[in-house]
N, C-alpha and C. Protein backbone atom coordinates (compact mmCIF):
# COMPACT_ATOMS: atom_id res chain seq x y z
N MET A 1 20.04 20.15 64.02
CA MET A 1 19.41 19.13 63.00
C MET A 1 20.38 17.84 62.78
N HIS A 2 20.15 17.00 62.81
CA HIS A 2 20.52 15.80 62.15
C HIS A 2 20.06 15.42 60.72
N ARG A 3 20.85 16.04 59.82
CA ARG A 3 20.58 15.09 58.59
C ARG A 3 21.48 13.66 58.11
N ASP A 4 20.34 12.81 56.98
CA ASP A 4 20.93 11.51 56.92
C ASP A 4 21.57 11.64 55.90
N LEU A 5 22.39 10.75 55.48
CA LEU A 5 22.98 10.83 54.35
C LEU A 5 22.60 10.04 53.22
N ARG A 6 21.79 8.77 53.69
CA ARG A 6 21.26 7.94 52.94
C ARG A 6 20.31 8.76 51.76
N PRO A 7 19.41 9.71 51.83
CA PRO A 7 18.65 9.59 50.68
C PRO A 7 19.94 10.63 50.01
N ALA A 8 20.83 11.58 50.31
CA ALA A 8 21.59 12.27 49.24
C ALA A 8 22.51 11.49 48.75
N LEU A 9 23.01 10.51 49.31
CA LEU A 9 24.30 9.58 48.50
C LEU A 9 23.78 9.61 47.13
N PHE A 10 23.03 9.13 46.75
CA PHE A 10 22.82 8.56 44.94
C PHE A 10 22.07 10.11 44.39
N ALA A 11 21.29 10.95 45.07
CA ALA A 11 20.67 11.90 44.42
C ALA A 11 21.56 12.49 42.96
N GLY A 12 21.03 12.55 41.72
CA GLY A 12 21.66 12.75 40.67
C GLY A 12 22.38 12.19 40.42
N THR A 13 22.99 10.83 40.84
CA THR A 13 23.85 10.19 40.54
C THR A 13 23.62 8.88 39.79
N LEU A 14 22.50 8.08 39.85
CA LEU A 14 22.14 7.11 39.15
C LEU A 14 20.83 7.70 38.39
N LEU A 15 21.23 6.55 37.05
CA LEU A 15 20.25 7.22 36.24
C LEU A 15 19.16 6.03 36.08
N LEU A 16 18.07 6.25 35.12
CA LEU A 16 17.30 4.90 35.45
C LEU A 16 17.69 3.61 34.82
N ALA A 17 19.04 3.85 34.04
CA ALA A 17 19.70 2.49 33.78
C ALA A 17 20.24 1.69 35.11
N PRO A 18 20.60 0.43 34.17
CA PRO A 18 21.04 -0.50 35.21
C PRO A 18 21.97 -0.47 36.16
N ALA A 19 22.19 -0.62 36.87
CA ALA A 19 23.27 -0.22 37.79
C ALA A 19 23.89 -1.13 38.89
N ALA A 20 25.21 -1.52 39.42
CA ALA A 20 25.43 -2.50 40.14
C ALA A 20 26.37 -1.44 40.55
N ILE A 21 25.89 -1.42 42.64
CA ILE A 21 26.71 -0.37 43.19
C ILE A 21 27.63 -2.22 44.34
N GLY A 22 29.12 -1.56 44.62
CA GLY A 22 29.53 -2.80 45.30
C GLY A 22 29.47 -1.90 46.94
N ILE A 23 29.71 -2.69 47.47
CA ILE A 23 30.02 -2.50 48.91
C ILE A 23 31.38 -2.68 49.59
N SER A 24 31.96 -1.95 50.26
CA SER A 24 33.58 -2.59 50.67
C SER A 24 33.30 -3.80 51.68
N ARG A 25 33.70 -5.05 51.17
CA ARG A 25 32.57 -6.21 52.50
C ARG A 25 33.91 -5.98 53.27
N PHE A 26 34.61 -5.15 53.60
CA PHE A 26 35.74 -4.95 55.05
C PHE A 26 35.25 -4.44 56.29
N GLY A 27 34.64 -4.82 57.20
CA GLY A 27 34.26 -5.09 58.74
C GLY A 27 33.44 -3.67 58.82
N PRO A 28 34.04 -2.54 59.43
CA PRO A 28 33.46 -1.33 59.54
C PRO A 28 32.86 -0.85 58.15
N TYR A 29 33.86 -0.99 56.87
CA TYR A 29 33.06 0.10 55.61
C TYR A 29 31.87 -0.37 55.55
N PHE A 30 31.66 -1.88 55.60
CA PHE A 30 30.38 -2.88 54.99
C PHE A 30 29.01 -2.05 56.07
N SER A 31 29.42 -2.10 57.54
CA SER A 31 28.61 -1.58 58.38
C SER A 31 27.88 -0.13 58.49
N ALA A 32 28.81 0.19 57.49
CA ALA A 32 28.78 1.95 57.46
C ALA A 32 27.50 2.46 56.17
N ALA A 33 28.43 1.50 55.34
CA ALA A 33 27.68 1.83 53.62
C ALA A 33 26.59 1.30 53.46
N MET A 34 26.43 -0.09 53.93
CA MET A 34 25.11 -0.98 53.24
C MET A 34 23.73 -0.58 53.57
N PRO A 35 23.71 0.16 54.90
CA PRO A 35 22.57 1.09 55.03
C PRO A 35 22.17 1.88 54.08
N SER A 36 23.18 2.66 53.29
CA SER A 36 23.13 3.52 52.38
C SER A 36 22.48 2.92 50.72
N ALA A 37 22.85 2.19 50.86
CA ALA A 37 22.98 1.21 49.40
C ALA A 37 21.59 0.44 49.34
N VAL A 38 21.09 -0.12 50.44
CA VAL A 38 19.82 -1.44 50.39
C VAL A 38 18.79 -0.43 49.76
N PRO A 39 18.42 0.38 50.59
CA PRO A 39 17.15 1.17 50.08
C PRO A 39 16.55 1.59 48.46
N LEU A 40 17.83 1.57 47.78
CA LEU A 40 18.30 1.49 46.37
C LEU A 40 18.06 0.51 45.53
N LYS A 41 18.30 -0.71 46.10
CA LYS A 41 18.20 -2.09 45.64
C LYS A 41 17.03 -2.15 44.69
N GLY A 42 16.54 -3.04 43.78
CA GLY A 42 15.75 -3.39 42.72
C GLY A 42 15.94 -4.00 41.51
N GLU A 43 14.73 -3.76 41.14
CA GLU A 43 14.51 -4.84 39.44
C GLU A 43 16.45 -4.18 38.72
N LYS A 44 16.62 -2.69 38.71
CA LYS A 44 17.30 -2.36 38.05
C LYS A 44 18.53 -2.02 39.09
N VAL A 45 18.75 -2.04 40.03
CA VAL A 45 19.97 -1.83 40.67
C VAL A 45 20.51 -2.89 41.61
N MET A 46 21.68 -3.35 41.34
CA MET A 46 21.96 -4.59 42.25
C MET A 46 22.74 -3.67 43.35
N VAL A 47 23.17 -4.33 44.21
CA VAL A 47 23.85 -4.36 45.47
C VAL A 47 24.46 -5.73 45.87
N GLN A 48 25.91 -5.53 46.15
CA GLN A 48 26.83 -5.90 46.42
C GLN A 48 27.84 -6.32 47.19
N LEU A 49 28.11 -7.02 47.74
CA LEU A 49 29.24 -7.02 48.74
C LEU A 49 30.62 -7.59 47.99
N GLN A 50 31.86 -6.52 47.70
CA GLN A 50 32.54 -6.98 47.15
C GLN A 50 34.32 -6.18 47.56
N GLU A 51 35.16 -6.71 46.63
CA GLU A 51 36.61 -6.21 46.83
C GLU A 51 36.46 -5.13 45.74
N PRO A 52 37.70 -4.38 46.42
CA PRO A 52 37.84 -2.66 45.24
C PRO A 52 38.54 -3.24 43.55
N TRP A 53 38.96 -4.63 43.58
CA TRP A 53 39.55 -4.83 42.32
C TRP A 53 38.42 -5.73 41.17
N GLN A 54 37.22 -5.89 41.72
CA GLN A 54 36.11 -6.41 41.28
C GLN A 54 35.32 -5.34 40.48
N LYS A 55 34.77 -5.04 39.17
CA LYS A 55 34.01 -4.85 38.44
C LYS A 55 32.36 -4.19 39.30
N ALA A 56 32.22 -2.83 39.27
CA ALA A 56 30.79 -2.63 39.30
C ALA A 56 30.80 -1.68 38.95
N ASP A 57 29.88 -0.52 38.60
CA ASP A 57 29.27 0.95 38.35
C ASP A 57 29.68 1.85 39.70
N PHE A 58 29.46 1.45 40.55
CA PHE A 58 29.82 2.80 41.53
C PHE A 58 30.20 1.57 42.85
N PHE A 59 31.32 1.91 43.78
CA PHE A 59 31.89 1.64 44.69
C PHE A 59 31.88 2.00 45.69
N LEU A 60 31.14 1.81 47.02
CA LEU A 60 31.14 2.77 47.93
C LEU A 60 31.92 1.68 49.72
N VAL A 61 32.68 2.53 50.37
CA VAL A 61 33.59 2.72 51.61
C VAL A 61 32.87 3.46 52.59
N GLY A 62 32.57 3.05 53.63
CA GLY A 62 31.67 3.73 54.92
C GLY A 62 32.95 3.51 55.77
N PHE A 63 32.42 5.13 56.38
CA PHE A 63 33.34 4.77 58.43
C PHE A 63 32.19 4.79 58.96
N PRO A 64 32.66 4.42 60.11
CA PRO A 64 31.91 4.27 60.70
C PRO A 64 31.79 5.48 61.75
N ARG A 65 32.76 6.28 61.46
CA ARG A 65 32.81 7.38 62.36
C ARG A 65 33.97 8.48 61.69
N GLN A 66 34.21 9.59 61.99
CA GLN A 66 35.44 10.82 60.99
C GLN A 66 36.42 10.11 61.25
N PRO A 67 36.90 9.53 59.93
CA PRO A 67 38.34 9.16 59.96
C PRO A 67 39.19 10.66 59.74
N GLU A 68 40.88 10.14 60.30
CA GLU A 68 41.82 10.77 60.30
C GLU A 68 41.78 11.30 57.86
N PRO A 69 42.02 12.57 57.93
CA PRO A 69 42.15 12.84 56.10
C PRO A 69 43.30 12.06 55.68
N ALA A 70 44.47 11.82 56.19
CA ALA A 70 45.41 10.98 56.10
C ALA A 70 44.93 9.94 56.08
N HIS A 71 43.46 8.69 56.53
CA HIS A 71 43.55 7.56 56.22
C HIS A 71 42.45 7.49 55.14
N VAL A 72 41.26 8.85 55.01
CA VAL A 72 40.70 8.69 53.82
C VAL A 72 41.64 8.90 52.61
N ASN A 73 42.81 9.61 52.47
CA ASN A 73 43.56 9.40 51.47
C ASN A 73 43.99 8.37 50.90
N ALA A 74 44.55 7.65 52.13
CA ALA A 74 45.15 6.36 51.92
C ALA A 74 44.40 5.39 51.59
N ILE A 75 43.24 4.89 51.79
CA ILE A 75 42.11 4.58 51.13
C ILE A 75 41.61 4.87 49.61
N VAL A 76 41.60 5.90 49.79
CA VAL A 76 41.57 6.48 48.07
C VAL A 76 42.31 5.74 47.26
N ARG A 77 43.66 6.29 47.55
CA ARG A 77 44.45 5.88 46.41
C ARG A 77 44.78 4.11 46.57
N ALA A 78 44.60 3.54 47.48
CA ALA A 78 44.66 2.18 47.53
C ALA A 78 43.85 1.55 46.40
N ILE A 79 42.38 2.42 46.97
CA ILE A 79 41.46 1.75 45.74
C ILE A 79 41.08 2.49 44.37
N GLU A 80 41.66 3.74 43.94
CA GLU A 80 42.40 4.02 42.43
C GLU A 80 43.53 3.32 42.30
N ALA A 81 44.26 2.70 42.43
CA ALA A 81 45.45 1.90 43.01
C ALA A 81 44.93 0.10 41.69
N GLN A 82 43.88 0.09 42.10
CA GLN A 82 43.54 -1.01 41.67
C GLN A 82 43.14 -0.93 40.21
N GLY A 83 42.73 0.38 39.86
CA GLY A 83 42.57 0.56 38.01
C GLY A 83 41.30 0.51 37.66
N ILE A 84 39.96 0.15 38.97
CA ILE A 84 38.19 -0.13 38.11
C ILE A 84 38.06 1.08 38.78
N PHE A 85 38.07 1.90 39.87
CA PHE A 85 37.17 2.97 40.01
C PHE A 85 38.03 3.87 40.23
N LYS A 86 37.34 5.36 40.08
CA LYS A 86 38.11 6.85 40.36
C LYS A 86 37.14 7.01 41.46
N TYR A 87 37.58 7.69 42.47
CA TYR A 87 36.88 8.60 43.94
C TYR A 87 36.39 9.74 42.77
N ALA A 88 34.67 9.70 43.63
CA ALA A 88 33.96 10.77 43.16
C ALA A 88 33.78 11.78 43.86
N LYS A 89 33.22 11.35 45.51
CA LYS A 89 32.90 12.36 46.29
C LYS A 89 32.59 11.92 47.79
N SER A 90 32.32 12.19 48.66
CA SER A 90 32.53 12.00 49.88
C SER A 90 31.33 12.52 50.28
N TYR A 91 30.20 11.95 51.49
CA TYR A 91 29.34 12.05 51.98
C TYR A 91 29.72 12.14 52.94
N ASN A 92 29.12 13.22 54.04
CA ASN A 92 29.68 13.30 55.72
C ASN A 92 28.96 14.32 56.42
N VAL A 93 28.38 14.32 57.57
CA VAL A 93 27.87 15.25 57.90
C VAL A 93 28.60 15.64 59.51
N SER A 94 29.29 16.76 59.26
CA SER A 94 30.03 17.09 60.54
C SER A 94 29.55 17.81 61.40
N VAL A 95 30.66 17.48 62.88
CA VAL A 95 29.58 18.25 64.07
C VAL A 95 30.23 19.87 63.91
N ARG A 96 29.39 20.46 64.10
CA ARG A 96 29.67 21.49 64.70
C ARG A 96 28.96 22.66 65.62
N ILE A 97 30.11 23.29 66.15
CA ILE A 97 29.12 24.26 67.43
C ILE A 97 29.36 25.40 67.33
N PHE A 98 28.78 26.28 67.32
CA PHE A 98 28.85 27.99 67.11
C PHE A 98 29.11 28.22 66.04
N GLY A 99 29.15 27.30 64.74
CA GLY A 99 29.55 27.61 63.48
C GLY A 99 31.06 26.95 63.12
N GLU A 100 31.53 26.60 64.32
CA GLU A 100 33.03 25.56 63.91
C GLU A 100 32.53 24.21 63.77
N ARG A 101 33.88 23.81 62.69
CA ARG A 101 33.79 22.24 62.48
C ARG A 101 34.55 21.63 63.69
N LEU A 102 33.94 20.75 64.42
CA LEU A 102 34.98 19.52 65.76
C LEU A 102 35.59 18.68 64.52
N ASN A 103 36.71 18.49 65.08
CA ASN A 103 37.37 17.16 64.31
C ASN A 103 37.23 16.07 65.45
N LEU A 104 35.98 14.89 65.22
CA LEU A 104 36.09 14.09 66.35
C LEU A 104 36.91 12.81 66.24
N ALA A 105 37.99 12.61 64.99
CA ALA A 105 38.64 12.12 64.51
C ALA A 105 39.61 11.04 65.88
N ARG A 106 40.09 11.70 66.44
CA ARG A 106 40.74 11.26 67.97
C ARG A 106 40.11 11.39 68.85
N PHE A 107 38.83 11.44 68.85
CA PHE A 107 37.81 11.37 70.01
C PHE A 107 38.24 9.89 70.42
N PRO A 108 37.94 9.10 71.16
CA PRO A 108 37.60 8.21 71.87
C PRO A 108 36.19 7.18 71.40
N GLN A 109 36.47 6.23 70.81
CA GLN A 109 34.89 5.68 69.91
C GLN A 109 34.06 5.51 70.43
N ASP A 110 33.99 5.47 72.08
CA ASP A 110 32.94 4.70 73.09
C ASP A 110 32.62 6.96 73.42
N MET A 111 33.67 8.19 73.15
CA MET A 111 32.85 9.13 73.51
C MET A 111 32.33 9.98 72.55
N THR A 112 31.88 9.64 71.57
CA THR A 112 31.28 10.47 70.29
C THR A 112 29.90 9.51 69.41
N TYR A 113 29.32 10.36 69.21
CA TYR A 113 27.93 9.70 68.15
C TYR A 113 29.07 9.25 66.99
N PRO A 114 28.45 8.27 66.79
CA PRO A 114 28.85 7.96 64.97
C PRO A 114 28.57 8.65 64.06
N PHE A 115 29.42 9.86 63.53
CA PHE A 115 28.64 10.38 62.41
C PHE A 115 29.65 10.03 61.44
N PRO A 116 28.89 8.99 60.26
CA PRO A 116 29.93 8.49 59.32
C PRO A 116 30.71 9.23 58.01
N MET A 117 31.20 8.62 57.60
CA MET A 117 31.30 9.09 56.32
C MET A 117 31.29 8.41 55.39
N ILE A 118 31.05 8.26 54.25
CA ILE A 118 30.71 7.05 52.83
C ILE A 118 31.25 7.60 51.63
N LEU A 119 32.32 6.90 51.20
CA LEU A 119 33.24 7.64 50.22
C LEU A 119 32.33 7.07 48.43
N LEU A 120 32.17 7.89 47.75
CA LEU A 120 31.93 7.06 46.90
C LEU A 120 32.81 6.94 45.28
N PHE A 121 33.35 5.84 45.11
CA PHE A 121 33.85 5.51 43.97
C PHE A 121 33.08 5.42 42.28
N ARG A 122 33.33 5.90 40.88
CA ARG A 122 32.87 5.56 40.21
C ARG A 122 33.78 4.27 38.99
N ALA A 123 33.00 3.37 38.36
CA ALA A 123 33.67 2.92 37.69
C ALA A 123 34.20 3.71 36.38
N LYS A 124 35.21 3.27 36.63
CA LYS A 124 36.36 4.48 35.14
C LYS A 124 35.78 3.80 34.14
N VAL A 125 35.53 2.87 33.33
CA VAL A 125 34.88 2.21 32.35
C VAL A 125 33.60 2.17 33.08
N PRO A 126 32.09 2.72 32.66
CA PRO A 126 30.84 1.56 32.44
C PRO A 126 30.91 0.81 32.75
N ASN A 127 30.31 -0.38 33.36
CA ASN A 127 30.13 -1.72 34.00
C ASN A 127 28.79 -2.01 33.25
N ALA A 128 29.27 -2.89 32.51
CA ALA A 128 27.67 -3.57 31.05
C ALA A 128 26.87 -4.69 32.77
N SER A 129 26.14 -3.90 33.34
CA SER A 129 25.02 -4.79 34.26
C SER A 129 24.31 -5.50 33.53
């Protein structure tokens, strides 16, 4: 059964308070994360493309396919180094066969179904939205 990441993304994360959600504007990161945040857009929640040094309450980075752990760690370190956000959680759906998790990071892109990963960062200091 395929689980959709979008409903789980902000379950228990956003309160009823106003919030700004930043989405990394870099190529594939944008296309993997934006569909998760757009349904949350409304009167109290603003969704915007931005850079990791710009302020927001949350910042999302999406990967269109399963990345190498070293790549994820490098992205987390680079974003946290800007001083605005702290890594909070990652969301992904892992491929499992007979209970064993498969690592598809090194499979050719055209031979894999995209199992995206989304990294959620929270502002170190709450943003006055």
